[in-house]
Amino acid sequence: NISVDVEQLDDASNPFGNINMYDLVSIELNLPTTYSVDGNNHPIDGLVEFTINGKSYFAEVADGKAVLNISFDKAGVYNVSLQYKSSRVVSNPINFQITVVTTPQANLEIEASDV
């Protein structure tokens, strides 16, 4: 399980380094628990949209956190964008990349004497 908090990422950074195909990746966005509009504090609720190579996934905000657990079945560079959305507020997107590499294959040698 590989996880990263994407709160402080720069655009086009690769916070995970190379990950293997089929590894479970937890992408986590931490948010404040309240926001202020017109001098009133409101709890952070709503959804975070995780867009990966154009496909959208959604995670509900709970206790100031939204988490997407995902694995990738193809090697390549994936463009990821996260954006908080509620009925009152929409955040600026956070953009980064995930590089997925082919899962290394174990070299297994079996000799007749092993069987």
C-alpha atoms as a PDB file:
ATOM      1  CA  ASN A   1       0.000   0.000   0.000  1.00  0.00           C
ATOM      2  CA  ILE A   2       1.578   3.258  -1.155  1.00  0.00           C
ATOM      3  CA  SER A   3       0.115   6.529   0.065  1.00  0.00           C
ATOM      4  CA  VAL A   4       0.832  10.223  -0.258  1.00  0.00           C
ATOM      5  CA  ASP A   5      -0.781  13.407   1.025  1.00  0.00           C
ATOM      6  CA  VAL A   6      -1.097  15.630  -2.038  1.00  0.00           C
ATOM      7  CA  GLU A   7      -1.808  18.840  -0.138  1.00  0.00           C
ATOM      8  CA  GLN A   8       1.492  20.580  -0.973  1.00  0.00           C
ATOM      9  CA  LEU A   9       2.283  19.283  -4.454  1.00  0.00           C
ATOM     10  CA  ASP A  10       3.514  21.367  -7.361  1.00  0.00           C
ATOM     11  CA  ASP A  11       1.919  20.831 -10.774  1.00  0.00           C
ATOM     12  CA  ALA A  12       3.366  17.916 -12.756  1.00  0.00           C
ATOM     13  CA  SER A  13       5.308  16.527  -9.796  1.00  0.00           C
ATOM     14  CA  ASN A  14       5.514  12.773  -9.353  1.00  0.00           C
ATOM     15  CA  PRO A  15       4.967  12.242  -5.598  1.00  0.00           C
ATOM     16  CA  PHE A  16       4.917   8.444  -5.724  1.00  0.00           C
ATOM     17  CA  GLY A  17       8.029   7.871  -7.791  1.00  0.00           C
ATOM     18  CA  ASN A  18       7.613   4.744  -9.885  1.00  0.00           C
ATOM     19  CA  ILE A  19       4.982   2.330  -8.653  1.00  0.00           C
ATOM     20  CA  ASN A  20       4.400  -1.215  -9.799  1.00  0.00           C
ATOM     21  CA  MET A  21       1.310  -2.311 -11.647  1.00  0.00           C
ATOM     22  CA  TYR A  22      -1.374  -3.678  -9.297  1.00  0.00           C
ATOM     23  CA  ASP A  23       0.113  -1.962  -6.194  1.00  0.00           C
ATOM     24  CA  LEU A  24      -2.625  -0.366  -4.124  1.00  0.00           C
ATOM     25  CA  VAL A  25      -2.170   3.419  -4.096  1.00  0.00           C
ATOM     26  CA  SER A  26      -3.912   5.675  -1.573  1.00  0.00           C
ATOM     27  CA  ILE A  27      -4.227   9.256  -2.767  1.00  0.00           C
ATOM     28  CA  GLU A  28      -5.198  11.433   0.184  1.00  0.00           C
ATOM     29  CA  LEU A  29      -6.257  15.070   0.259  1.00  0.00           C
ATOM     30  CA  ASN A  30      -6.402  16.783   3.649  1.00  0.00           C
ATOM     31  CA  LEU A  31      -8.684  19.784   3.978  1.00  0.00           C
ATOM     32  CA  PRO A  32      -9.459  22.164   6.816  1.00  0.00           C
ATOM     33  CA  THR A  33     -12.508  21.104   8.804  1.00  0.00           C
ATOM     34  CA  THR A  34     -14.302  24.441   8.240  1.00  0.00           C
ATOM     35  CA  TYR A  35     -14.270  27.317   5.781  1.00  0.00           C
ATOM     36  CA  SER A  36     -15.511  30.878   6.137  1.00  0.00           C
ATOM     37  CA  VAL A  37     -18.010  32.525   3.786  1.00  0.00           C
ATOM     38  CA  ASP A  38     -19.540  35.905   4.576  1.00  0.00           C
ATOM     39  CA  GLY A  39     -18.070  35.780   8.075  1.00  0.00           C
ATOM     40  CA  ASN A  40     -19.724  32.445   8.906  1.00  0.00           C
ATOM     41  CA  ASN A  41     -17.884  29.171   9.441  1.00  0.00           C
ATOM     42  CA  HIS A  42     -19.210  26.149   7.561  1.00  0.00           C
ATOM     43  CA  PRO A  43     -18.091  22.527   7.898  1.00  0.00           C
ATOM     44  CA  ILE A  44     -16.138  21.073   5.003  1.00  0.00           C
ATOM     45  CA  ASP A  45     -18.293  18.459   3.345  1.00  0.00           C
ATOM     46  CA  GLY A  46     -18.948  17.452  -0.212  1.00  0.00           C
ATOM     47  CA  LEU A  47     -16.770  15.521  -2.615  1.00  0.00           C
ATOM     48  CA  VAL A  48     -13.285  15.499  -4.007  1.00  0.00           C
ATOM     49  CA  GLU A  49     -13.128  14.649  -7.683  1.00  0.00           C
ATOM     50  CA  PHE A  50     -10.071  12.605  -8.625  1.00  0.00           C
ATOM     51  CA  THR A  51      -9.593  12.699 -12.407  1.00  0.00           C
ATOM     52  CA  ILE A  52      -7.089  10.174 -13.736  1.00  0.00           C
ATOM     53  CA  ASN A  53      -6.341  10.337 -17.463  1.00  0.00           C
ATOM     54  CA  GLY A  54      -9.781  11.836 -18.045  1.00  0.00           C
ATOM     55  CA  LYS A  55     -11.773   9.344 -15.935  1.00  0.00           C
ATOM     56  CA  SER A  56     -13.445  10.749 -12.812  1.00  0.00           C
ATOM     57  CA  TYR A  57     -13.634   9.090  -9.408  1.00  0.00           C
ATOM     58  CA  PHE A  58     -15.247  10.678  -6.349  1.00  0.00           C
ATOM     59  CA  ALA A  59     -14.509  10.430  -2.637  1.00  0.00           C
ATOM     60  CA  GLU A  60     -16.621  11.942   0.115  1.00  0.00           C
ATOM     61  CA  VAL A  61     -14.918  14.306   2.545  1.00  0.00           C
ATOM     62  CA  ALA A  62     -14.973  12.956   6.108  1.00  0.00           C
ATOM     63  CA  ASP A  63     -13.205  14.631   9.026  1.00  0.00           C
ATOM     64  CA  GLY A  64     -11.372  16.951   6.617  1.00  0.00           C
ATOM     65  CA  LYS A  65     -10.007  14.118   4.478  1.00  0.00           C
ATOM     66  CA  ALA A  66     -10.809  12.486   1.144  1.00  0.00           C
ATOM     67  CA  VAL A  67      -9.057   9.278   0.098  1.00  0.00           C
ATOM     68  CA  LEU A  68      -9.049   7.357  -3.166  1.00  0.00           C
ATOM     69  CA  ASN A  69      -7.628   3.817  -3.109  1.00  0.00           C
ATOM     70  CA  ILE A  70      -6.765   2.614  -6.593  1.00  0.00           C
ATOM     71  CA  SER A  71      -4.444   0.283  -8.469  1.00  0.00           C
ATOM     72  CA  PHE A  72      -3.328   0.440 -12.080  1.00  0.00           C
ATOM     73  CA  ASP A  73      -3.328  -2.504 -14.481  1.00  0.00           C
ATOM     74  CA  LYS A  74      -1.289  -0.849 -17.249  1.00  0.00           C
ATOM     75  CA  ALA A  75       2.162   0.699 -17.224  1.00  0.00           C
ATOM     76  CA  GLY A  76       2.480   4.348 -18.212  1.00  0.00           C
ATOM     77  CA  VAL A  77       2.265   7.915 -16.974  1.00  0.00           C
ATOM     78  CA  TYR A  78      -1.092   8.872 -15.498  1.00  0.00           C
ATOM     79  CA  ASN A  79      -2.163  12.527 -15.239  1.00  0.00           C
ATOM     80  CA  VAL A  80      -4.062  13.132 -12.014  1.00  0.00           C
ATOM     81  CA  SER A  81      -6.151  16.132 -11.002  1.00  0.00           C
ATOM     82  CA  LEU A  82      -7.910  16.594  -7.649  1.00  0.00           C
ATOM     83  CA  GLN A  83     -10.569  19.188  -6.990  1.00  0.00           C
ATOM     84  CA  TYR A  84     -12.757  19.774  -3.931  1.00  0.00           C
ATOM     85  CA  LYS A  85     -16.404  20.470  -4.759  1.00  0.00           C
ATOM     86  CA  SER A  86     -19.316  21.358  -2.530  1.00  0.00           C
ATOM     87  CA  SER A  87     -22.551  23.272  -2.993  1.00  0.00           C
ATOM     88  CA  ARG A  88     -20.786  26.462  -1.845  1.00  0.00           C
ATOM     89  CA  VAL A  89     -17.113  26.125  -2.742  1.00  0.00           C
ATOM     90  CA  VAL A  90     -15.026  24.698  -5.579  1.00  0.00           C
ATOM     91  CA  SER A  91     -11.255  24.621  -5.070  1.00  0.00           C
ATOM     92  CA  ASN A  92      -8.512  25.128  -7.590  1.00  0.00           C
ATOM     93  CA  PRO A  93      -7.340  21.778  -8.987  1.00  0.00           C
ATOM     94  CA  ILE A  94      -4.163  20.069  -7.809  1.00  0.00           C
ATOM     95  CA  ASN A  95      -2.343  18.359 -10.692  1.00  0.00           C
ATOM     96  CA  PHE A  96       0.388  15.729 -10.616  1.00  0.00           C
ATOM     97  CA  GLN A  97       1.504  12.539 -12.332  1.00  0.00           C
ATOM     98  CA  ILE A  98       1.781   8.912 -11.321  1.00  0.00           C
ATOM     99  CA  THR A  99       4.256   6.718 -13.191  1.00  0.00           C
ATOM    100  CA  VAL A 100       3.335   3.038 -13.263  1.00  0.00           C
ATOM    101  CA  VAL A 101       5.941   0.484 -14.307  1.00  0.00           C
ATOM    102  CA  THR A 102       5.590  -3.169 -15.236  1.00  0.00           C
ATOM    103  CA  THR A 103       5.599  -5.387 -12.193  1.00  0.00           C
ATOM    104  CA  PRO A 104       8.980  -7.056 -11.932  1.00  0.00           C
ATOM    105  CA  GLN A 105       8.809 -10.774 -12.558  1.00  0.00           C
ATOM    106  CA  ALA A 106      10.528 -13.064 -10.110  1.00  0.00           C
ATOM    107  CA  ASN A 107      13.182 -15.347 -11.524  1.00  0.00           C
ATOM    108  CA  LEU A 108      12.288 -18.831 -10.417  1.00  0.00           C
ATOM    109  CA  GLU A 109      14.435 -21.801 -11.229  1.00  0.00           C
ATOM    110  CA  ILE A 110      13.267 -25.304 -10.443  1.00  0.00           C
ATOM    111  CA  GLU A 111      15.511 -28.273 -10.771  1.00  0.00           C
ATOM    112  CA  ALA A 112      14.398 -31.892 -10.955  1.00  0.00           C
ATOM    113  CA  SER A 113      15.981 -32.532  -7.557  1.00  0.00           C
ATOM    114  CA  ASP A 114      13.673 -29.868  -6.032  1.00  0.00           C
ATOM    115  CA  VAL A 115      10.526 -31.761  -7.014  1.00  0.00           C
END
